[in-house]
Structure formats: C-alpha cells, structure tokens
Amino acid sequence: MAKLNVSIDDRLRDELFKLVPPRRRSQVVNEALENELRRRKRKHATETVHHLRKRSATLSEKEIVEAVRRDRTRVER
C-alpha cells in the first residue's frame, strides 16, 4: 500500500475524524476514492457511447433483418 499526501476541506476532515475511528480512516477514504473513480469511468464510457452513436448510421428494421440474413447465409456456406 502506498502513502499519499492530499489536502481536504477542514469540514471534511472534521467529519472524518468525528465519524470514523482512527484505524478505519484510510479504508473509508480508499472506498470513497474507488467509488468516485468508478463513477468517472462510467461517465466517460457513457459519453464515448453517445459520441459514437451520433457518428453511426441509423438502420431501419428492414435493413437490420437483411444484414442478419446475409450474414447467416455466409456462415452456412
């Protein structure tokens, strides 16, 4: 495990020290950071998908069915 020096708001520090026992503070900060990083990764992935959808062609149901049938025919040969 690595040590990291960061600055936090006084209010957050006070709440952390008030609500979390001394030997559990690193774990609480670690879990909070994991949750925030996971949230940011999801947001980035969602933005990427939305961007790709804007650039992609929209197909009708008929076009999709025809493409699937063509692919099935190719595989069966």
PDB file of N, CA and C in Angstrom:
ATOM      1  N   MET A   1       0.848  -1.172   0.000  1.00  0.00           N
ATOM      2  CA  MET A   1       0.000   0.000   0.000  1.00  0.00           C
ATOM      3  C   MET A   1       0.896   1.237   0.000  1.00  0.00           C
ATOM      4  N   ALA A   2       0.491   2.258  -0.756  1.00  0.00           N
ATOM      5  CA  ALA A   2       1.269   3.484  -0.876  1.00  0.00           C
ATOM      6  C   ALA A   2       0.678   4.576  -0.005  1.00  0.00           C
ATOM      7  N   LYS A   3       1.546   5.468   0.431  1.00  0.00           N
ATOM      8  CA  LYS A   3       1.094   6.643   1.171  1.00  0.00           C
ATOM      9  C   LYS A   3       0.982   7.795   0.191  1.00  0.00           C
ATOM     10  N   LEU A   4      -0.025   8.642   0.427  1.00  0.00           N
ATOM     11  CA  LEU A   4      -0.285   9.760  -0.460  1.00  0.00           C
ATOM     12  C   LEU A   4      -0.695  10.959   0.376  1.00  0.00           C
ATOM     13  N   ASN A   5      -0.063  12.078   0.139  1.00  0.00           N
ATOM     14  CA  ASN A   5      -0.433  13.309   0.843  1.00  0.00           C
ATOM     15  C   ASN A   5      -1.399  14.101  -0.025  1.00  0.00           C
ATOM     16  N   VAL A   6      -2.577  14.383   0.502  1.00  0.00           N
ATOM     17  CA  VAL A   6      -3.576  15.180  -0.210  1.00  0.00           C
ATOM     18  C   VAL A   6      -4.136  16.220   0.747  1.00  0.00           C
ATOM     19  N   SER A   7      -4.744  17.250   0.186  1.00  0.00           N
ATOM     20  CA  SER A   7      -5.404  18.269   1.004  1.00  0.00           C
ATOM     21  C   SER A   7      -6.908  18.096   0.883  1.00  0.00           C
ATOM     22  N   ILE A   8      -7.609  18.210   2.015  1.00  0.00           N
ATOM     23  CA  ILE A   8      -9.069  18.149   2.003  1.00  0.00           C
ATOM     24  C   ILE A   8      -9.607  19.335   2.795  1.00  0.00           C
ATOM     25  N   ASP A   9     -10.863  19.648   2.563  1.00  0.00           N
ATOM     26  CA  ASP A   9     -11.509  20.738   3.289  1.00  0.00           C
ATOM     27  C   ASP A   9     -11.502  20.441   4.787  1.00  0.00           C
ATOM     28  N   ASP A  10     -11.383  21.496   5.571  1.00  0.00           N
ATOM     29  CA  ASP A  10     -11.411  21.339   7.033  1.00  0.00           C
ATOM     30  C   ASP A  10     -12.694  20.660   7.498  1.00  0.00           C
ATOM     31  N   ARG A  11     -13.801  21.016   6.871  1.00  0.00           N
ATOM     32  CA  ARG A  11     -15.088  20.440   7.252  1.00  0.00           C
ATOM     33  C   ARG A  11     -15.091  18.921   7.046  1.00  0.00           C
ATOM     34  N   LEU A  12     -14.543  18.467   5.907  1.00  0.00           N
ATOM     35  CA  LEU A  12     -14.480  17.029   5.647  1.00  0.00           C
ATOM     36  C   LEU A  12     -13.567  16.322   6.641  1.00  0.00           C
ATOM     37  N   ARG A  13     -12.448  16.944   6.936  1.00  0.00           N
ATOM     38  CA  ARG A  13     -11.526  16.371   7.915  1.00  0.00           C
ATOM     39  C   ARG A  13     -12.218  16.223   9.260  1.00  0.00           C
ATOM     40  N   ASP A  14     -12.916  17.275   9.694  1.00  0.00           N
ATOM     41  CA  ASP A  14     -13.606  17.231  10.979  1.00  0.00           C
ATOM     42  C   ASP A  14     -14.655  16.110  11.019  1.00  0.00           C
ATOM     43  N   GLU A  15     -15.420  15.983   9.935  1.00  0.00           N
ATOM     44  CA  GLU A  15     -16.419  14.916   9.888  1.00  0.00           C
ATOM     45  C   GLU A  15     -15.769  13.539   9.891  1.00  0.00           C
ATOM     46  N   LEU A  16     -14.715  13.397   9.121  1.00  0.00           N
ATOM     47  CA  LEU A  16     -13.994  12.123   9.081  1.00  0.00           C
ATOM     48  C   LEU A  16     -13.507  11.736  10.471  1.00  0.00           C
ATOM     49  N   PHE A  17     -12.878  12.669  11.161  1.00  0.00           N
ATOM     50  CA  PHE A  17     -12.338  12.379  12.491  1.00  0.00           C
ATOM     51  C   PHE A  17     -13.455  12.151  13.515  1.00  0.00           C
ATOM     52  N   LYS A  18     -14.588  12.780  13.312  1.00  0.00           N
ATOM     53  CA  LYS A  18     -15.708  12.628  14.243  1.00  0.00           C
ATOM     54  C   LYS A  18     -16.435  11.292  14.044  1.00  0.00           C
ATOM     55  N   LEU A  19     -16.607  10.891  12.792  1.00  0.00           N
ATOM     56  CA  LEU A  19     -17.447   9.740  12.479  1.00  0.00           C
ATOM     57  C   LEU A  19     -16.696   8.415  12.296  1.00  0.00           C
ATOM     58  N   VAL A  20     -15.410   8.492  11.985  1.00  0.00           N
ATOM     59  CA  VAL A  20     -14.676   7.271  11.650  1.00  0.00           C
ATOM     60  C   VAL A  20     -13.547   7.046  12.650  1.00  0.00           C
ATOM     61  N   PRO A  21     -13.471   5.849  13.215  1.00  0.00           N
ATOM     62  CA  PRO A  21     -12.395   5.542  14.166  1.00  0.00           C
ATOM     63  C   PRO A  21     -11.020   5.641  13.490  1.00  0.00           C
ATOM     64  N   PRO A  22      -9.985   5.955  14.262  1.00  0.00           N
ATOM     65  CA  PRO A  22      -8.652   6.176  13.704  1.00  0.00           C
ATOM     66  C   PRO A  22      -8.144   5.063  12.786  1.00  0.00           C
ATOM     67  N   ARG A  23      -8.333   3.836  13.106  1.00  0.00           N
ATOM     68  CA  ARG A  23      -7.772   2.748  12.301  1.00  0.00           C
ATOM     69  C   ARG A  23      -8.625   2.383  11.076  1.00  0.00           C
ATOM     70  N   ARG A  24      -9.698   3.129  10.866  1.00  0.00           N
ATOM     71  CA  ARG A  24     -10.582   2.855   9.720  1.00  0.00           C
ATOM     72  C   ARG A  24     -10.595   4.006   8.703  1.00  0.00           C
ATOM     73  N   ARG A  25      -9.922   5.093   8.994  1.00  0.00           N
ATOM     74  CA  ARG A  25      -9.995   6.289   8.133  1.00  0.00           C
ATOM     75  C   ARG A  25      -9.411   6.042   6.746  1.00  0.00           C
ATOM     76  N   SER A  26      -8.288   5.375   6.668  1.00  0.00           N
ATOM     77  CA  SER A  26      -7.699   5.097   5.353  1.00  0.00           C
ATOM     78  C   SER A  26      -8.637   4.255   4.504  1.00  0.00           C
ATOM     79  N   GLN A  27      -9.267   3.269   5.130  1.00  0.00           N
ATOM     80  CA  GLN A  27     -10.202   2.416   4.403  1.00  0.00           C
ATOM     81  C   GLN A  27     -11.386   3.221   3.876  1.00  0.00           C
ATOM     82  N   VAL A  28     -11.914   4.116   4.696  1.00  0.00           N
ATOM     83  CA  VAL A  28     -13.055   4.940   4.280  1.00  0.00           C
ATOM     84  C   VAL A  28     -12.653   5.847   3.116  1.00  0.00           C
ATOM     85  N   VAL A  29     -11.501   6.472   3.208  1.00  0.00           N
ATOM     86  CA  VAL A  29     -11.030   7.347   2.123  1.00  0.00           C
ATOM     87  C   VAL A  29     -10.784   6.523   0.867  1.00  0.00           C
ATOM     88  N   ASN A  30     -10.191   5.338   1.019  1.00  0.00           N
ATOM     89  CA  ASN A  30      -9.922   4.449  -0.104  1.00  0.00           C
ATOM     90  C   ASN A  30     -11.227   4.056  -0.809  1.00  0.00           C
ATOM     91  N   GLU A  31     -12.250   3.681  -0.036  1.00  0.00           N
ATOM     92  CA  GLU A  31     -13.541   3.294  -0.610  1.00  0.00           C
ATOM     93  C   GLU A  31     -14.207   4.473  -1.314  1.00  0.00           C
ATOM     94  N   ALA A  32     -14.117   5.645  -0.720  1.00  0.00           N
ATOM     95  CA  ALA A  32     -14.708   6.835  -1.340  1.00  0.00           C
ATOM     96  C   ALA A  32     -14.016   7.142  -2.670  1.00  0.00           C
ATOM     97  N   LEU A  33     -12.703   7.014  -2.704  1.00  0.00           N
ATOM     98  CA  LEU A  33     -11.958   7.258  -3.933  1.00  0.00           C
ATOM     99  C   LEU A  33     -12.294   6.211  -4.991  1.00  0.00           C
ATOM    100  N   GLU A  34     -12.384   4.953  -4.594  1.00  0.00           N
ATOM    101  CA  GLU A  34     -12.779   3.897  -5.538  1.00  0.00           C
ATOM    102  C   GLU A  34     -14.143   4.195  -6.146  1.00  0.00           C
ATOM    103  N   ASN A  35     -15.100   4.581  -5.316  1.00  0.00           N
ATOM    104  CA  ASN A  35     -16.442   4.890  -5.805  1.00  0.00           C
ATOM    105  C   ASN A  35     -16.424   6.057  -6.779  1.00  0.00           C
ATOM    106  N   GLU A  36     -15.676   7.094  -6.465  1.00  0.00           N
ATOM    107  CA  GLU A  36     -15.600   8.266  -7.350  1.00  0.00           C
ATOM    108  C   GLU A  36     -14.927   7.906  -8.668  1.00  0.00           C
ATOM    109  N   LEU A  37     -13.857   7.133  -8.625  1.00  0.00           N
ATOM    110  CA  LEU A  37     -13.184   6.736  -9.861  1.00  0.00           C
ATOM    111  C   LEU A  37     -14.085   5.856 -10.721  1.00  0.00           C
ATOM    112  N   ARG A  38     -14.829   4.956 -10.100  1.00  0.00           N
ATOM    113  CA  ARG A  38     -15.779   4.104 -10.826  1.00  0.00           C
ATOM    114  C   ARG A  38     -16.860   4.965 -11.485  1.00  0.00           C
ATOM    115  N   ARG A  39     -17.352   5.967 -10.754  1.00  0.00           N
ATOM    116  CA  ARG A  39     -18.371   6.865 -11.303  1.00  0.00           C
ATOM    117  C   ARG A  39     -17.832   7.628 -12.512  1.00  0.00           C
ATOM    118  N   ARG A  40     -16.605   8.102 -12.402  1.00  0.00           N
ATOM    119  CA  ARG A  40     -15.995   8.857 -13.513  1.00  0.00           C
ATOM    120  C   ARG A  40     -15.753   7.970 -14.730  1.00  0.00           C
ATOM    121  N   LYS A  41     -15.343   6.717 -14.502  1.00  0.00           N
ATOM    122  CA  LYS A  41     -15.136   5.783 -15.620  1.00  0.00           C
ATOM    123  C   LYS A  41     -16.452   5.513 -16.338  1.00  0.00           C
ATOM    124  N   ARG A  42     -17.531   5.311 -15.559  1.00  0.00           N
ATOM    125  CA  ARG A  42     -18.848   5.087 -16.164  1.00  0.00           C
ATOM    126  C   ARG A  42     -19.278   6.295 -16.985  1.00  0.00           C
ATOM    127  N   LYS A  43     -19.061   7.479 -16.431  1.00  0.00           N
ATOM    128  CA  LYS A  43     -19.443   8.708 -17.135  1.00  0.00           C
ATOM    129  C   LYS A  43     -18.673   8.825 -18.445  1.00  0.00           C
ATOM    130  N   HIS A  44     -17.390   8.539 -18.395  1.00  0.00           N
ATOM    131  CA  HIS A  44     -16.566   8.603 -19.605  1.00  0.00           C
ATOM    132  C   HIS A  44     -17.047   7.584 -20.638  1.00  0.00           C
ATOM    133  N   ALA A  45     -17.337   6.369 -20.197  1.00  0.00           N
ATOM    134  CA  ALA A  45     -17.822   5.334 -21.112  1.00  0.00           C
ATOM    135  C   ALA A  45     -19.149   5.740 -21.738  1.00  0.00           C
ATOM    136  N   THR A  46     -20.044   6.301 -20.933  1.00  0.00           N
ATOM    137  CA  THR A  46     -21.344   6.747 -21.439  1.00  0.00           C
ATOM    138  C   THR A  46     -21.174   7.845 -22.474  1.00  0.00           C
ATOM    139  N   GLU A  47     -20.304   8.802 -22.200  1.00  0.00           N
ATOM    140  CA  GLU A  47     -20.054   9.888 -23.155  1.00  0.00           C
ATOM    141  C   GLU A  47     -19.472   9.350 -24.453  1.00  0.00           C
ATOM    142  N   THR A  48     -18.596   8.356 -24.351  1.00  0.00           N
ATOM    143  CA  THR A  48     -17.998   7.752 -25.544  1.00  0.00           C
ATOM    144  C   THR A  48     -19.071   7.068 -26.383  1.00  0.00           C
ATOM    145  N   VAL A  49     -19.957   6.318 -25.737  1.00  0.00           N
ATOM    146  CA  VAL A  49     -21.030   5.638 -26.465  1.00  0.00           C
ATOM    147  C   VAL A  49     -21.948   6.658 -27.142  1.00  0.00           C
ATOM    148  N   HIS A  50     -22.320   7.716 -26.428  1.00  0.00           N
ATOM    149  CA  HIS A  50     -23.176   8.746 -27.027  1.00  0.00           C
ATOM    150  C   HIS A  50     -22.500   9.382 -28.234  1.00  0.00           C
ATOM    151  N   HIS A  51     -21.198   9.632 -28.126  1.00  0.00           N
ATOM    152  CA  HIS A  51     -20.451  10.225 -29.235  1.00  0.00           C
ATOM    153  C   HIS A  51     -20.446   9.276 -30.434  1.00  0.00           C
ATOM    154  N   LEU A  52     -20.218   7.987 -30.181  1.00  0.00           N
ATOM    155  CA  LEU A  52     -20.202   7.010 -31.273  1.00  0.00           C
ATOM    156  C   LEU A  52     -21.578   6.865 -31.916  1.00  0.00           C
ATOM    157  N   ARG A  53     -22.627   6.933 -31.103  1.00  0.00           N
ATOM    158  CA  ARG A  53     -23.981   6.825 -31.655  1.00  0.00           C
ATOM    159  C   ARG A  53     -24.290   7.976 -32.599  1.00  0.00           C
ATOM    160  N   LYS A  54     -23.802   9.163 -32.271  1.00  0.00           N
ATOM    161  CA  LYS A  54     -24.053  10.325 -33.129  1.00  0.00           C
ATOM    162  C   LYS A  54     -23.380  10.146 -34.488  1.00  0.00           C
ATOM    163  N   ARG A  55     -22.221   9.487 -34.505  1.00  0.00           N
ATOM    164  CA  ARG A  55     -21.460   9.310 -35.738  1.00  0.00           C
ATOM    165  C   ARG A  55     -21.933   8.106 -36.547  1.00  0.00           C
ATOM    166  N   SER A  56     -22.634   7.179 -35.928  1.00  0.00           N
ATOM    167  CA  SER A  56     -23.038   5.941 -36.591  1.00  0.00           C
ATOM    168  C   SER A  56     -24.301   6.142 -37.420  1.00  0.00           C
ATOM    169  N   ALA A  57     -24.409   5.327 -38.452  1.00  0.00           N
ATOM    170  CA  ALA A  57     -25.606   5.364 -39.295  1.00  0.00           C
ATOM    171  C   ALA A  57     -26.756   4.690 -38.559  1.00  0.00           C
ATOM    172  N   THR A  58     -27.944   5.200 -38.792  1.00  0.00           N
ATOM    173  CA  THR A  58     -29.140   4.603 -38.211  1.00  0.00           C
ATOM    174  C   THR A  58     -29.746   3.670 -39.253  1.00  0.00           C
ATOM    175  N   LEU A  59     -29.991   2.424 -38.860  1.00  0.00           N
ATOM    176  CA  LEU A  59     -30.543   1.442 -39.791  1.00  0.00           C
ATOM    177  C   LEU A  59     -32.007   1.179 -39.456  1.00  0.00           C
ATOM    178  N   SER A  60     -32.771   0.918 -40.497  1.00  0.00           N
ATOM    179  CA  SER A  60     -34.171   0.555 -40.282  1.00  0.00           C
ATOM    180  C   SER A  60     -34.241  -0.917 -39.881  1.00  0.00           C
ATOM    181  N   GLU A  61     -35.390  -1.325 -39.398  1.00  0.00           N
ATOM    182  CA  GLU A  61     -35.575  -2.728 -39.017  1.00  0.00           C
ATOM    183  C   GLU A  61     -35.350  -3.634 -40.225  1.00  0.00           C
ATOM    184  N   LYS A  62     -35.849  -3.212 -41.377  1.00  0.00           N
ATOM    185  CA  LYS A  62     -35.701  -3.996 -42.613  1.00  0.00           C
ATOM    186  C   LYS A  62     -34.219  -4.171 -42.967  1.00  0.00           C
ATOM    187  N   GLU A  63     -33.443  -3.099 -42.860  1.00  0.00           N
ATOM    188  CA  GLU A  63     -32.010  -3.180 -43.173  1.00  0.00           C
ATOM    189  C   GLU A  63     -31.283  -4.112 -42.212  1.00  0.00           C
ATOM    190  N   ILE A  64     -31.669  -4.092 -40.954  1.00  0.00           N
ATOM    191  CA  ILE A  64     -31.043  -4.964 -39.952  1.00  0.00           C
ATOM    192  C   ILE A  64     -31.358  -6.427 -40.271  1.00  0.00           C
ATOM    193  N   VAL A  65     -32.627  -6.723 -40.557  1.00  0.00           N
ATOM    194  CA  VAL A  65     -33.037  -8.098 -40.881  1.00  0.00           C
ATOM    195  C   VAL A  65     -32.288  -8.588 -42.118  1.00  0.00           C
ATOM    196  N   GLU A  66     -32.190  -7.762 -43.143  1.00  0.00           N
ATOM    197  CA  GLU A  66     -31.474  -8.145 -44.366  1.00  0.00           C
ATOM    198  C   GLU A  66     -30.000  -8.422 -44.086  1.00  0.00           C
ATOM    199  N   ALA A  67     -29.377  -7.594 -43.274  1.00  0.00           N
ATOM    200  CA  ALA A  67     -27.961  -7.797 -42.943  1.00  0.00           C
ATOM    201  C   ALA A  67     -27.750  -9.093 -42.162  1.00  0.00           C
ATOM    202  N   VAL A  68     -28.636  -9.382 -41.224  1.00  0.00           N
ATOM    203  CA  VAL A  68     -28.533 -10.621 -40.448  1.00  0.00           C
ATOM    204  C   VAL A  68     -28.703 -11.827 -41.367  1.00  0.00           C
ATOM    205  N   ARG A  69     -29.669 -11.768 -42.265  1.00  0.00           N
ATOM    206  CA  ARG A  69     -29.886 -12.873 -43.208  1.00  0.00           C
ATOM    207  C   ARG A  69     -28.669 -13.087 -44.097  1.00  0.00           C
ATOM    208  N   ARG A  70     -28.068 -12.003 -44.587  1.00  0.00           N
ATOM    209  CA  ARG A  70     -26.857 -12.121 -45.410  1.00  0.00           C
ATOM    210  C   ARG A  70     -25.733 -12.789 -44.617  1.00  0.00           C
ATOM    211  N   ASP A  71     -25.564 -12.362 -43.363  1.00  0.00           N
ATOM    212  CA  ASP A  71     -24.515 -12.949 -42.520  1.00  0.00           C
ATOM    213  C   ASP A  71     -24.768 -14.427 -42.262  1.00  0.00           C
ATOM    214  N   ARG A  72     -26.008 -14.788 -42.015  1.00  0.00           N
ATOM    215  CA  ARG A  72     -26.345 -16.206 -41.794  1.00  0.00           C
ATOM    216  C   ARG A  72     -26.071 -17.038 -43.036  1.00  0.00           C
ATOM    217  N   THR A  73     -26.400 -16.495 -44.190  1.00  0.00           N
ATOM    218  CA  THR A  73     -26.153 -17.208 -45.444  1.00  0.00           C
ATOM    219  C   THR A  73     -24.657 -17.427 -45.654  1.00  0.00           C
ATOM    220  N   ARG A  74     -23.867 -16.418 -45.345  1.00  0.00           N
ATOM    221  CA  ARG A  74     -22.404 -16.521 -45.476  1.00  0.00           C
ATOM    222  C   ARG A  74     -21.850 -17.599 -44.556  1.00  0.00           C
ATOM    223  N   VAL A  75     -22.346 -17.661 -43.339  1.00  0.00           N
ATOM    224  CA  VAL A  75     -21.856 -18.620 -42.357  1.00  0.00           C
ATOM    225  C   VAL A  75     -22.245 -20.044 -42.739  1.00  0.00           C
ATOM    226  N   GLU A  76     -23.434 -20.214 -43.321  1.00  0.00           N
ATOM    227  CA  GLU A  76     -23.927 -21.539 -43.671  1.00  0.00           C
ATOM    228  C   GLU A  76     -23.197 -22.130 -44.855  1.00  0.00           C
ATOM    229  N   ARG A  77     -22.578 -21.347 -45.679  1.00  0.00           N
ATOM    230  CA  ARG A  77     -21.883 -21.852 -46.880  1.00  0.00           C
ATOM    231  C   ARG A  77     -20.608 -22.519 -46.554  1.00  0.00           C
TER     232      ARG A  77
END
